[in-house]
């Protein structure tokens, strides 16, 4: 997929999330914590870098597992 710099928002999301963004080389280029939005206007969460994919998890799950910017993402087919 082509890289994007698109932002995420939390409208209608019930729980806080963390998100990791990675580039075409599989390197994590940004990580953000996002707060649920109950009323508009909802803030946009932008990584500030181009990315090809992102993963949303429960807030804190990335840091709890030692994930850091610069780490390599490896996807395996099961």
PDB file of N, CA and C in Angstrom:
ATOM      1  N   UNK A   1       0.826  -1.191   0.000  1.00  0.00           N
ATOM      2  CA  UNK A   1       0.000   0.000   0.000  1.00  0.00           C
ATOM      3  C   UNK A   1       0.869   1.253   0.000  1.00  0.00           C
ATOM      4  N   UNK A   2       0.333   2.322  -0.559  1.00  0.00           N
ATOM      5  CA  UNK A   2       1.043   3.594  -0.593  1.00  0.00           C
ATOM      6  C   UNK A   2       1.049   4.230   0.796  1.00  0.00           C
ATOM      7  N   UNK A   3       2.151   4.853   1.175  1.00  0.00           N
ATOM      8  CA  UNK A   3       2.203   5.538   2.467  1.00  0.00           C
ATOM      9  C   UNK A   3       1.165   6.655   2.554  1.00  0.00           C
ATOM     10  N   UNK A   4       0.730   6.933   3.762  1.00  0.00           N
ATOM     11  CA  UNK A   4      -0.226   7.999   4.040  1.00  0.00           C
ATOM     12  C   UNK A   4       0.228   8.743   5.284  1.00  0.00           C
ATOM     13  N   UNK A   5      -0.331   9.907   5.500  1.00  0.00           N
ATOM     14  CA  UNK A   5      -0.100  10.628   6.749  1.00  0.00           C
ATOM     15  C   UNK A   5      -1.437  10.884   7.447  1.00  0.00           C
ATOM     16  N   UNK A   6      -2.451  10.097   7.081  1.00  0.00           N
ATOM     17  CA  UNK A   6      -3.797  10.269   7.611  1.00  0.00           C
ATOM     18  C   UNK A   6      -3.857  10.169   9.126  1.00  0.00           C
ATOM     19  N   UNK A   7      -4.808  10.901   9.685  1.00  0.00           N
ATOM     20  CA  UNK A   7      -4.996  10.949  11.132  1.00  0.00           C
ATOM     21  C   UNK A   7      -6.128  10.010  11.560  1.00  0.00           C
ATOM     22  N   UNK A   8      -6.127   9.658  12.830  1.00  0.00           N
ATOM     23  CA  UNK A   8      -7.180   8.860  13.444  1.00  0.00           C
ATOM     24  C   UNK A   8      -7.965   9.745  14.403  1.00  0.00           C
ATOM     25  N   UNK A   9      -9.200   9.326  14.715  1.00  0.00           N
ATOM     26  CA  UNK A   9      -9.963   9.999  15.752  1.00  0.00           C
ATOM     27  C   UNK A   9     -10.658   8.948  16.592  1.00  0.00           C
ATOM     28  N   UNK A  10     -11.235   9.380  17.709  1.00  0.00           N
ATOM     29  CA  UNK A  10     -11.790   8.435  18.673  1.00  0.00           C
ATOM     30  C   UNK A  10     -13.301   8.600  18.861  1.00  0.00           C
ATOM     31  N   UNK A  11     -13.984   9.183  17.886  1.00  0.00           N
ATOM     32  CA  UNK A  11     -15.430   9.362  17.996  1.00  0.00           C
ATOM     33  C   UNK A  11     -16.105   8.002  18.181  1.00  0.00           C
ATOM     34  N   UNK A  12     -16.930   7.895  19.205  1.00  0.00           N
ATOM     35  CA  UNK A  12     -17.683   6.680  19.454  1.00  0.00           C
ATOM     36  C   UNK A  12     -16.881   5.541  20.064  1.00  0.00           C
ATOM     37  N   UNK A  13     -15.594   5.757  20.315  1.00  0.00           N
ATOM     38  CA  UNK A  13     -14.762   4.724  20.928  1.00  0.00           C
ATOM     39  C   UNK A  13     -14.959   4.767  22.442  1.00  0.00           C
ATOM     40  N   UNK A  14     -15.131   3.617  23.057  1.00  0.00           N
ATOM     41  CA  UNK A  14     -15.477   3.561  24.472  1.00  0.00           C
ATOM     42  C   UNK A  14     -14.280   3.487  25.409  1.00  0.00           C
ATOM     43  N   UNK A  15     -13.137   3.021  24.910  1.00  0.00           N
ATOM     44  CA  UNK A  15     -11.971   2.835  25.776  1.00  0.00           C
ATOM     45  C   UNK A  15     -10.770   3.593  25.216  1.00  0.00           C
ATOM     46  N   UNK A  16      -9.845   4.007  26.083  1.00  0.00           N
ATOM     47  CA  UNK A  16      -8.620   4.642  25.596  1.00  0.00           C
ATOM     48  C   UNK A  16      -7.754   3.628  24.851  1.00  0.00           C
ATOM     49  N   UNK A  17      -7.094   4.094  23.817  1.00  0.00           N
ATOM     50  CA  UNK A  17      -6.265   3.229  22.980  1.00  0.00           C
ATOM     51  C   UNK A  17      -4.865   3.804  22.811  1.00  0.00           C
ATOM     52  N   UNK A  18      -3.927   2.928  22.528  1.00  0.00           N
ATOM     53  CA  UNK A  18      -2.603   3.311  22.039  1.00  0.00           C
ATOM     54  C   UNK A  18      -2.527   2.848  20.593  1.00  0.00           C
ATOM     55  N   UNK A  19      -1.745   3.558  19.801  1.00  0.00           N
ATOM     56  CA  UNK A  19      -1.618   3.210  18.385  1.00  0.00           C
ATOM     57  C   UNK A  19      -0.153   3.303  17.976  1.00  0.00           C
ATOM     58  N   UNK A  20       0.287   2.324  17.199  1.00  0.00           N
ATOM     59  CA  UNK A  20       1.639   2.320  16.631  1.00  0.00           C
ATOM     60  C   UNK A  20       1.515   2.408  15.117  1.00  0.00           C
ATOM     61  N   UNK A  21       2.330   3.249  14.509  1.00  0.00           N
ATOM     62  CA  UNK A  21       2.352   3.444  13.057  1.00  0.00           C
ATOM     63  C   UNK A  21       3.697   2.949  12.539  1.00  0.00           C
ATOM     64  N   UNK A  22       3.697   2.197  11.418  1.00  0.00           N
ATOM     65  CA  UNK A  22       4.978   1.779  10.854  1.00  0.00           C
ATOM     66  C   UNK A  22       5.072   2.098   9.376  1.00  0.00           C
ATOM     67  N   UNK A  23       6.326   2.209   8.918  1.00  0.00           N
ATOM     68  CA  UNK A  23       6.600   2.597   7.532  1.00  0.00           C
ATOM     69  C   UNK A  23       6.750   1.369   6.639  1.00  0.00           C
ATOM     70  N   UNK A  24       7.078   1.598   5.380  1.00  0.00           N
ATOM     71  CA  UNK A  24       7.183   0.516   4.395  1.00  0.00           C
ATOM     72  C   UNK A  24       8.293  -0.479   4.732  1.00  0.00           C
ATOM     73  N   UNK A  25       9.268  -0.057   5.531  1.00  0.00           N
ATOM     74  CA  UNK A  25      10.344  -0.957   5.951  1.00  0.00           C
ATOM     75  C   UNK A  25       9.977  -1.751   7.201  1.00  0.00           C
ATOM     76  N   UNK A  26       8.792  -1.485   7.754  1.00  0.00           N
ATOM     77  CA  UNK A  26       8.352  -2.176   8.960  1.00  0.00           C
ATOM     78  C   UNK A  26       8.827  -1.548  10.254  1.00  0.00           C
ATOM     79  N   UNK A  27       9.421  -0.369  10.178  1.00  0.00           N
ATOM     80  CA  UNK A  27       9.912   0.327  11.371  1.00  0.00           C
ATOM     81  C   UNK A  27       8.804   1.185  11.973  1.00  0.00           C
ATOM     82  N   UNK A  28       8.634   1.087  13.280  1.00  0.00           N
ATOM     83  CA  UNK A  28       7.664   1.934  13.966  1.00  0.00           C
ATOM     84  C   UNK A  28       8.183   3.364  13.938  1.00  0.00           C
ATOM     85  N   UNK A  29       7.370   4.259  13.374  1.00  0.00           N
ATOM     86  CA  UNK A  29       7.773   5.657  13.224  1.00  0.00           C
ATOM     87  C   UNK A  29       7.094   6.570  14.232  1.00  0.00           C
ATOM     88  N   UNK A  30       6.016   6.098  14.860  1.00  0.00           N
ATOM     89  CA  UNK A  30       5.314   6.914  15.850  1.00  0.00           C
ATOM     90  C   UNK A  30       4.409   6.029  16.689  1.00  0.00           C
ATOM     91  N   UNK A  31       4.179   6.469  17.926  1.00  0.00           N
ATOM     92  CA  UNK A  31       3.212   5.825  18.811  1.00  0.00           C
ATOM     93  C   UNK A  31       2.471   6.934  19.555  1.00  0.00           C
ATOM     94  N   UNK A  32       1.171   6.767  19.686  1.00  0.00           N
ATOM     95  CA  UNK A  32       0.341   7.767  20.349  1.00  0.00           C
ATOM     96  C   UNK A  32      -0.628   7.095  21.305  1.00  0.00           C
ATOM     97  N   UNK A  33      -1.004   7.816  22.365  1.00  0.00           N
ATOM     98  CA  UNK A  33      -2.107   7.417  23.226  1.00  0.00           C
ATOM     99  C   UNK A  33      -3.302   8.283  22.861  1.00  0.00           C
ATOM    100  N   UNK A  34      -4.464   7.651  22.747  1.00  0.00           N
ATOM    101  CA  UNK A  34      -5.669   8.358  22.304  1.00  0.00           C
ATOM    102  C   UNK A  34      -6.775   8.190  23.349  1.00  0.00           C
ATOM    103  N   UNK A  35      -7.534   9.275  23.554  1.00  0.00           N
ATOM    104  CA  UNK A  35      -8.602   9.323  24.545  1.00  0.00           C
ATOM    105  C   UNK A  35      -9.955   9.277  23.856  1.00  0.00           C
ATOM    106  N   UNK A  36     -10.921   8.507  24.402  1.00  0.00           N
ATOM    107  CA  UNK A  36     -12.259   8.480  23.803  1.00  0.00           C
ATOM    108  C   UNK A  36     -12.846   9.884  23.687  1.00  0.00           C
ATOM    109  N   UNK A  37     -13.615  10.087  22.642  1.00  0.00           N
ATOM    110  CA  UNK A  37     -14.254  11.381  22.400  1.00  0.00           C
ATOM    111  C   UNK A  37     -15.760  11.206  22.559  1.00  0.00           C
ATOM    112  N   UNK A  38     -16.332  11.957  23.479  1.00  0.00           N
ATOM    113  CA  UNK A  38     -17.761  11.851  23.764  1.00  0.00           C
ATOM    114  C   UNK A  38     -18.597  12.865  22.987  1.00  0.00           C
ATOM    115  N   UNK A  39     -17.979  13.978  22.577  1.00  0.00           N
ATOM    116  CA  UNK A  39     -18.731  15.023  21.868  1.00  0.00           C
ATOM    117  C   UNK A  39     -17.824  15.695  20.849  1.00  0.00           C
ATOM    118  N   UNK A  40     -18.402  16.050  19.719  1.00  0.00           N
ATOM    119  CA  UNK A  40     -17.631  16.738  18.679  1.00  0.00           C
ATOM    120  C   UNK A  40     -17.413  18.187  19.074  1.00  0.00           C
ATOM    121  N   UNK A  41     -16.335  18.797  18.621  1.00  0.00           N
ATOM    122  CA  UNK A  41     -15.351  18.249  17.686  1.00  0.00           C
ATOM    123  C   UNK A  41     -14.359  17.334  18.405  1.00  0.00           C
ATOM    124  N   UNK A  42     -14.080  16.218  17.795  1.00  0.00           N
ATOM    125  CA  UNK A  42     -13.118  15.254  18.339  1.00  0.00           C
ATOM    126  C   UNK A  42     -11.727  15.582  17.807  1.00  0.00           C
ATOM    127  N   UNK A  43     -10.708  15.469  18.667  1.00  0.00           N
ATOM    128  CA  UNK A  43      -9.349  15.735  18.192  1.00  0.00           C
ATOM    129  C   UNK A  43      -8.890  14.671  17.202  1.00  0.00           C
ATOM    130  N   UNK A  44      -7.998  15.072  16.320  1.00  0.00           N
ATOM    131  CA  UNK A  44      -7.360  14.146  15.386  1.00  0.00           C
ATOM    132  C   UNK A  44      -5.993  13.774  15.943  1.00  0.00           C
ATOM    133  N   UNK A  45      -5.636  12.522  15.788  1.00  0.00           N
ATOM    134  CA  UNK A  45      -4.343  12.014  16.238  1.00  0.00           C
ATOM    135  C   UNK A  45      -3.521  11.668  15.009  1.00  0.00           C
ATOM    136  N   UNK A  46      -2.513  12.490  14.749  1.00  0.00           N
ATOM    137  CA  UNK A  46      -1.672  12.326  13.567  1.00  0.00           C
ATOM    138  C   UNK A  46      -0.266  11.926  13.994  1.00  0.00           C
ATOM    139  N   UNK A  47       0.329  10.947  13.310  1.00  0.00           N
ATOM    140  CA  UNK A  47       1.661  10.501  13.711  1.00  0.00           C
ATOM    141  C   UNK A  47       2.780  11.473  13.353  1.00  0.00           C
ATOM    142  N   UNK A  48       2.530  12.385  12.431  1.00  0.00           N
ATOM    143  CA  UNK A  48       3.582  13.306  12.024  1.00  0.00           C
ATOM    144  C   UNK A  48       4.593  12.692  11.072  1.00  0.00           C
ATOM    145  N   UNK A  49       4.317  11.488  10.602  1.00  0.00           N
ATOM    146  CA  UNK A  49       5.178  10.765   9.659  1.00  0.00           C
ATOM    147  C   UNK A  49       4.290  10.009   8.683  1.00  0.00           C
ATOM    148  N   UNK A  50       4.806   9.748   7.493  1.00  0.00           N
ATOM    149  CA  UNK A  50       4.103   8.842   6.587  1.00  0.00           C
ATOM    150  C   UNK A  50       4.186   7.426   7.154  1.00  0.00           C
ATOM    151  N   UNK A  51       3.128   6.651   6.938  1.00  0.00           N
ATOM    152  CA  UNK A  51       3.101   5.274   7.417  1.00  0.00           C
ATOM    153  C   UNK A  51       2.296   4.419   6.447  1.00  0.00           C
ATOM    154  N   UNK A  52       2.478   3.106   6.512  1.00  0.00           N
ATOM    155  CA  UNK A  52       1.725   2.191   5.648  1.00  0.00           C
ATOM    156  C   UNK A  52       0.685   1.394   6.420  1.00  0.00           C
ATOM    157  N   UNK A  53       0.846   1.308   7.729  1.00  0.00           N
ATOM    158  CA  UNK A  53      -0.112   0.564   8.544  1.00  0.00           C
ATOM    159  C   UNK A  53      -0.035   1.043   9.985  1.00  0.00           C
ATOM    160  N   UNK A  54      -1.094   0.728  10.726  1.00  0.00           N
ATOM    161  CA  UNK A  54      -1.159   1.098  12.136  1.00  0.00           C
ATOM    162  C   UNK A  54      -1.870  -0.010  12.900  1.00  0.00           C
ATOM    163  N   UNK A  55      -1.571  -0.096  14.185  1.00  0.00           N
ATOM    164  CA  UNK A  55      -2.196  -1.079  15.056  1.00  0.00           C
ATOM    165  C   UNK A  55      -2.702  -0.371  16.301  1.00  0.00           C
ATOM    166  N   UNK A  56      -4.006  -0.513  16.582  1.00  0.00           N
ATOM    167  CA  UNK A  56      -4.609   0.036  17.791  1.00  0.00           C
ATOM    168  C   UNK A  56      -4.735  -1.077  18.831  1.00  0.00           C
ATOM    169  N   UNK A  57      -4.355  -0.752  20.069  1.00  0.00           N
ATOM    170  CA  UNK A  57      -4.443  -1.703  21.182  1.00  0.00           C
ATOM    171  C   UNK A  57      -4.936  -0.954  22.417  1.00  0.00           C
ATOM    172  N   UNK A  58      -5.290  -1.683  23.466  1.00  0.00           N
ATOM    173  CA  UNK A  58      -5.669  -1.034  24.717  1.00  0.00           C
ATOM    174  C   UNK A  58      -4.549  -0.099  25.151  1.00  0.00           C
ATOM    175  N   UNK A  59      -4.941   1.066  25.693  1.00  0.00           N
ATOM    176  CA  UNK A  59      -3.932   2.046  26.084  1.00  0.00           C
ATOM    177  C   UNK A  59      -2.929   1.416  27.049  1.00  0.00           C
ATOM    178  N   UNK A  60      -1.664   1.642  26.747  1.00  0.00           N
ATOM    179  CA  UNK A  60      -0.583   1.151  27.582  1.00  0.00           C
ATOM    180  C   UNK A  60      -0.027  -0.195  27.165  1.00  0.00           C
ATOM    181  N   UNK A  61      -0.732  -0.923  26.307  1.00  0.00           N
ATOM    182  CA  UNK A  61      -0.282  -2.265  25.926  1.00  0.00           C
ATOM    183  C   UNK A  61       1.056  -2.232  25.189  1.00  0.00           C
ATOM    184  N   UNK A  62       1.305  -1.195  24.416  1.00  0.00           N
ATOM    185  CA  UNK A  62       2.581  -1.105  23.690  1.00  0.00           C
ATOM    186  C   UNK A  62       3.739  -0.902  24.666  1.00  0.00           C
ATOM    187  N   UNK A  63       3.608   0.093  25.533  1.00  0.00           N
ATOM    188  CA  UNK A  63       4.693   0.369  26.483  1.00  0.00           C
ATOM    189  C   UNK A  63       4.856  -0.769  27.485  1.00  0.00           C
ATOM    190  N   UNK A  64       3.750  -1.411  27.883  1.00  0.00           N
ATOM    191  CA  UNK A  64       3.837  -2.552  28.804  1.00  0.00           C
ATOM    192  C   UNK A  64       4.667  -3.684  28.213  1.00  0.00           C
ATOM    193  N   UNK A  65       4.684  -3.786  26.897  1.00  0.00           N
ATOM    194  CA  UNK A  65       5.423  -4.854  26.218  1.00  0.00           C
ATOM    195  C   UNK A  65       6.790  -4.390  25.703  1.00  0.00           C
ATOM    196  N   UNK A  66       7.168  -3.170  26.047  1.00  0.00           N
ATOM    197  CA  UNK A  66       8.485  -2.674  25.675  1.00  0.00           C
ATOM    198  C   UNK A  66       8.614  -2.223  24.232  1.00  0.00           C
ATOM    199  N   UNK A  67       7.488  -2.009  23.552  1.00  0.00           N
ATOM    200  CA  UNK A  67       7.525  -1.556  22.157  1.00  0.00           C
ATOM    201  C   UNK A  67       7.984  -0.101  22.129  1.00  0.00           C
ATOM    202  N   UNK A  68       8.900   0.205  21.194  1.00  0.00           N
ATOM    203  CA  UNK A  68       9.428   1.569  21.087  1.00  0.00           C
ATOM    204  C   UNK A  68       9.540   1.999  19.633  1.00  0.00           C
ATOM    205  N   UNK A  69       9.596   3.304  19.434  1.00  0.00           N
ATOM    206  CA  UNK A  69       9.826   3.852  18.102  1.00  0.00           C
ATOM    207  C   UNK A  69      11.160   3.307  17.599  1.00  0.00           C
ATOM    208  N   UNK A  70      11.172   2.876  16.343  1.00  0.00           N
ATOM    209  CA  UNK A  70      12.363   2.284  15.745  1.00  0.00           C
ATOM    210  C   UNK A  70      12.333   0.766  15.732  1.00  0.00           C
ATOM    211  N   UNK A  71      11.453   0.173  16.547  1.00  0.00           N
ATOM    212  CA  UNK A  71      11.328  -1.287  16.540  1.00  0.00           C
ATOM    213  C   UNK A  71      10.815  -1.757  15.186  1.00  0.00           C
ATOM    214  N   UNK A  72      11.118  -2.999  14.864  1.00  0.00           N
ATOM    215  CA  UNK A  72      10.712  -3.604  13.596  1.00  0.00           C
ATOM    216  C   UNK A  72       9.454  -4.444  13.800  1.00  0.00           C
ATOM    217  N   UNK A  73       8.464  -4.234  12.930  1.00  0.00           N
ATOM    218  CA  UNK A  73       7.230  -5.014  12.947  1.00  0.00           C
ATOM    219  C   UNK A  73       7.381  -6.164  11.966  1.00  0.00           C
ATOM    220  N   UNK A  74       7.035  -7.351  12.414  1.00  0.00           N
ATOM    221  CA  UNK A  74       7.068  -8.515  11.538  1.00  0.00           C
ATOM    222  C   UNK A  74       5.698  -9.181  11.593  1.00  0.00           C
ATOM    223  N   UNK A  75       5.052  -9.272  10.445  1.00  0.00           N
ATOM    224  CA  UNK A  75       3.746  -9.916  10.357  1.00  0.00           C
ATOM    225  C   UNK A  75       3.922 -11.313   9.785  1.00  0.00           C
ATOM    226  N   UNK A  76       3.324 -12.273  10.436  1.00  0.00           N
ATOM    227  CA  UNK A  76       3.405 -13.657   9.977  1.00  0.00           C
ATOM    228  C   UNK A  76       2.013 -14.160   9.641  1.00  0.00           C
ATOM    229  N   UNK A  77       1.939 -14.968   8.609  1.00  0.00           N
ATOM    230  CA  UNK A  77       0.664 -15.598   8.257  1.00  0.00           C
ATOM    231  C   UNK A  77       0.531 -16.876   9.067  1.00  0.00           C
ATOM    232  N   UNK A  78      -0.671 -17.079   9.609  1.00  0.00           N
ATOM    233  CA  UNK A  78      -0.867 -18.225  10.488  1.00  0.00           C
ATOM    234  C   UNK A  78      -1.519 -19.393   9.873  1.00  0.00           C
TER     235      UNK A  78
END
